[in-house]
Amino acid sequence: LLPALRWLAREVSRTGSMAVDIVAEPFVDDLPDEHRTCIFRIVQETVRNAARHSGAHQVRIYIAERVEEKNASLRLSVQDDGKGFDPSQERGLGILGMQERVLRLGGTLDVNSKPGRGTIVTFELPLPAGHPSLPVDRRSGEHSSANEFQETRPLRTA
């Protein structure tokens, strides 16, 4: 995933008037194909929108893994310094398509923009069952409490 996003950033920067960079915190890149495709397509669409509509000079893509007590997710944010827009008035098919992709995988998408202030598209996808970043009891689908423990007794030997 990260190499594909770096390629996208490099190509857009090389062929257009917009600089695209990536800031990625360490994360376990062990995702199913549908997650990878969803992430790449949303970032691609967001960068394309910035190039076509915003007049942006700079786009930054942030990637971070969030691990909480019972869940883990991958959070991405694409920010541009373009002219911005009013999301309540201008929701095109591109944004609707991004929203559908994210919802299909149980995630969330937020478009934050104001005229004259640039745009930030943030989306978060829950990591699938079995992902190495999930807390151990969530990898196999088992649920246990951190307060549960098993009493141990000394092993008797003959």
Protein backbone atom coordinates (compact mmCIF):
# COMPACT_ATOMS: atom_id res chain seq x y z
CA LEU A 1 0.00 0.00 0.00
CA LEU A 2 2.62 2.55 1.02
CA PRO A 3 4.75 2.01 -2.12
CA ALA A 4 1.62 2.53 -4.28
CA LEU A 5 0.75 5.76 -2.45
CA ARG A 6 4.34 6.97 -2.77
CA TRP A 7 4.22 6.23 -6.49
CA LEU A 8 0.98 8.24 -6.79
CA ALA A 9 2.52 11.18 -4.90
CA ARG A 10 5.65 11.06 -7.05
CA GLU A 11 3.70 10.91 -10.33
CA VAL A 12 1.33 13.75 -9.45
CA SER A 13 4.24 15.90 -8.25
CA ARG A 14 6.25 15.12 -11.40
CA THR A 15 3.49 15.73 -13.93
CA GLY A 16 1.55 18.62 -12.37
CA SER A 17 2.00 21.89 -10.55
CA MET A 18 1.20 20.39 -7.17
CA ALA A 19 3.68 18.94 -4.67
CA VAL A 20 2.38 15.83 -2.91
CA ASP A 21 4.09 14.29 0.09
CA ILE A 22 3.32 11.50 2.53
CA VAL A 23 3.73 11.43 6.29
CA ALA A 24 3.30 7.86 7.51
CA GLU A 25 3.56 6.67 11.06
CA PRO A 26 4.67 3.04 11.34
CA PHE A 27 1.80 0.64 10.65
CA VAL A 28 1.41 -3.03 9.83
CA ASP A 29 0.75 -3.11 6.09
CA ASP A 30 -1.00 -6.48 6.17
CA LEU A 31 -4.38 -5.54 4.75
CA PRO A 32 -6.85 -7.43 2.57
CA ASP A 33 -7.02 -6.36 -1.06
CA GLU A 34 -10.40 -4.65 -0.60
CA HIS A 35 -8.90 -2.38 2.10
CA ARG A 36 -5.85 -1.59 -0.05
CA THR A 37 -8.01 -0.81 -3.08
CA CYS A 38 -10.37 1.36 -1.04
CA ILE A 39 -7.53 3.37 0.48
CA PHE A 40 -5.67 3.84 -2.80
CA ARG A 41 -8.81 4.87 -4.73
CA ILE A 42 -9.93 7.38 -2.10
CA VAL A 43 -6.49 8.97 -1.88
CA GLN A 44 -6.28 8.99 -5.68
CA GLU A 45 -9.70 10.66 -6.01
CA THR A 46 -8.91 13.23 -3.31
CA VAL A 47 -5.59 14.16 -4.93
CA ARG A 48 -7.27 14.31 -8.33
CA ASN A 49 -9.97 16.63 -6.93
CA ALA A 50 -7.29 18.89 -5.44
CA ALA A 51 -5.49 19.06 -8.81
CA ARG A 52 -8.63 19.70 -10.86
CA HIS A 53 -10.69 21.97 -8.67
CA SER A 54 -8.75 23.55 -5.81
CA GLY A 55 -5.73 25.28 -7.32
CA ALA A 56 -3.64 23.72 -4.54
CA HIS A 57 0.15 23.95 -4.55
CA GLN A 58 0.69 21.46 -1.74
CA VAL A 59 -1.04 18.21 -0.76
CA ARG A 60 -0.05 16.15 2.26
CA ILE A 61 -1.22 12.59 2.93
CA TYR A 62 -1.10 11.41 6.55
CA ILE A 63 -1.35 7.75 7.52
CA ALA A 64 -1.58 6.47 11.08
CA GLU A 65 -2.65 3.27 12.74
CA ARG A 66 -4.85 3.69 15.83
CA VAL A 67 -4.86 0.88 18.36
CA GLU A 68 -7.25 1.10 21.26
CA GLU A 69 -8.15 -1.35 24.00
CA LYS A 70 -10.46 -3.49 21.86
CA ASN A 71 -10.13 -2.16 18.31
CA ALA A 72 -7.64 -0.95 15.75
CA SER A 73 -8.07 1.14 12.64
CA LEU A 74 -6.12 2.83 9.89
CA ARG A 75 -6.71 6.58 9.64
CA LEU A 76 -5.80 8.60 6.57
CA SER A 77 -6.04 12.30 5.97
CA VAL A 78 -5.46 14.16 2.70
CA GLN A 79 -4.96 17.90 3.15
CA ASP A 80 -4.56 20.58 0.50
CA ASP A 81 -3.88 24.32 0.54
CA GLY A 82 -6.35 25.05 -2.26
CA LYS A 83 -9.32 27.39 -2.47
CA GLY A 84 -11.67 25.11 -0.53
CA PHE A 85 -15.42 24.80 -0.96
CA ASP A 86 -18.63 24.39 1.01
CA PRO A 87 -19.22 20.60 1.35
CA SER A 88 -22.89 21.15 2.25
CA GLN A 89 -23.45 22.87 -1.13
CA GLU A 90 -21.03 21.02 -3.42
CA ARG A 91 -21.05 17.25 -2.99
CA GLY A 92 -20.13 15.64 -6.28
CA LEU A 93 -20.14 12.03 -7.39
CA GLY A 94 -16.49 11.65 -6.43
CA ILE A 95 -17.19 12.35 -2.77
CA LEU A 96 -20.27 10.11 -2.81
CA GLY A 97 -18.21 7.29 -4.32
CA MET A 98 -15.54 7.71 -1.63
CA GLN A 99 -18.21 7.60 1.06
CA GLU A 100 -19.70 4.40 -0.37
CA ARG A 101 -16.30 2.68 -0.49
CA VAL A 102 -15.56 3.54 3.15
CA LEU A 103 -19.02 2.60 4.44
CA ARG A 104 -18.81 -0.77 2.70
CA LEU A 105 -15.82 -1.60 4.91
CA GLY A 106 -17.40 -0.22 8.09
CA GLY A 107 -15.42 3.01 8.13
CA THR A 108 -16.09 6.72 8.30
CA LEU A 109 -15.32 9.62 5.97
CA ASP A 110 -15.27 13.33 6.77
CA VAL A 111 -14.82 16.22 4.35
CA ASN A 112 -13.79 19.43 6.09
CA SER A 113 -13.48 22.48 3.86
CA LYS A 114 -14.33 26.16 3.76
CA PRO A 115 -13.97 28.59 0.87
CA GLY A 116 -10.49 30.12 1.03
CA ARG A 117 -9.22 27.59 3.61
CA GLY A 118 -8.28 24.40 1.73
CA THR A 119 -9.74 20.95 2.20
CA ILE A 120 -9.10 18.03 4.55
CA VAL A 121 -10.56 14.63 3.69
CA THR A 122 -10.19 12.19 6.58
CA PHE A 123 -11.25 8.59 6.58
CA GLU A 124 -10.83 5.71 8.96
CA LEU A 125 -11.19 1.99 8.31
CA PRO A 126 -11.43 -0.62 11.05
CA LEU A 127 -8.74 -3.27 10.70
CA PRO A 128 -10.18 -6.67 9.79
CA ALA A 129 -10.30 -9.63 12.18
CA GLY A 130 -6.98 -11.42 12.35
CA HIS A 131 -4.90 -8.28 11.66
CA PRO A 132 -1.62 -8.31 13.64
CA SER A 133 -2.29 -4.84 15.10
CA LEU A 134 -5.50 -5.90 16.83
CA PRO A 135 -5.30 -6.67 20.53
CA VAL A 136 -4.54 -10.39 20.94
CA ASP A 137 -8.02 -11.33 22.15
CA ARG A 138 -9.58 -9.66 19.06
CA ARG A 139 -7.44 -11.42 16.44
CA SER A 140 -9.33 -14.67 16.68
CA GLY A 141 -12.68 -13.11 17.48
CA GLU A 142 -12.55 -14.17 21.13
CA HIS A 143 -13.55 -11.63 23.73
CA SER A 144 -11.89 -11.52 27.11
CA SER A 145 -11.51 -8.93 29.80
CA ALA A 146 -8.17 -7.55 30.90
CA ASN A 147 -9.28 -8.25 34.48
CA GLU A 148 -9.80 -11.96 33.88
CA PHE A 149 -7.03 -14.29 34.94
CA GLN A 150 -6.52 -17.97 35.33
CA GLU A 151 -5.35 -19.29 38.64
CA THR A 152 -2.18 -21.33 38.37
CA ARG A 153 -1.13 -24.12 40.70
CA PRO A 154 2.30 -25.62 41.14
CA LEU A 155 2.99 -28.55 38.85
CA ARG A 156 3.35 -31.83 40.75
CA THR A 157 6.17 -34.05 39.70
CA ALA A 158 6.52 -37.72 40.58
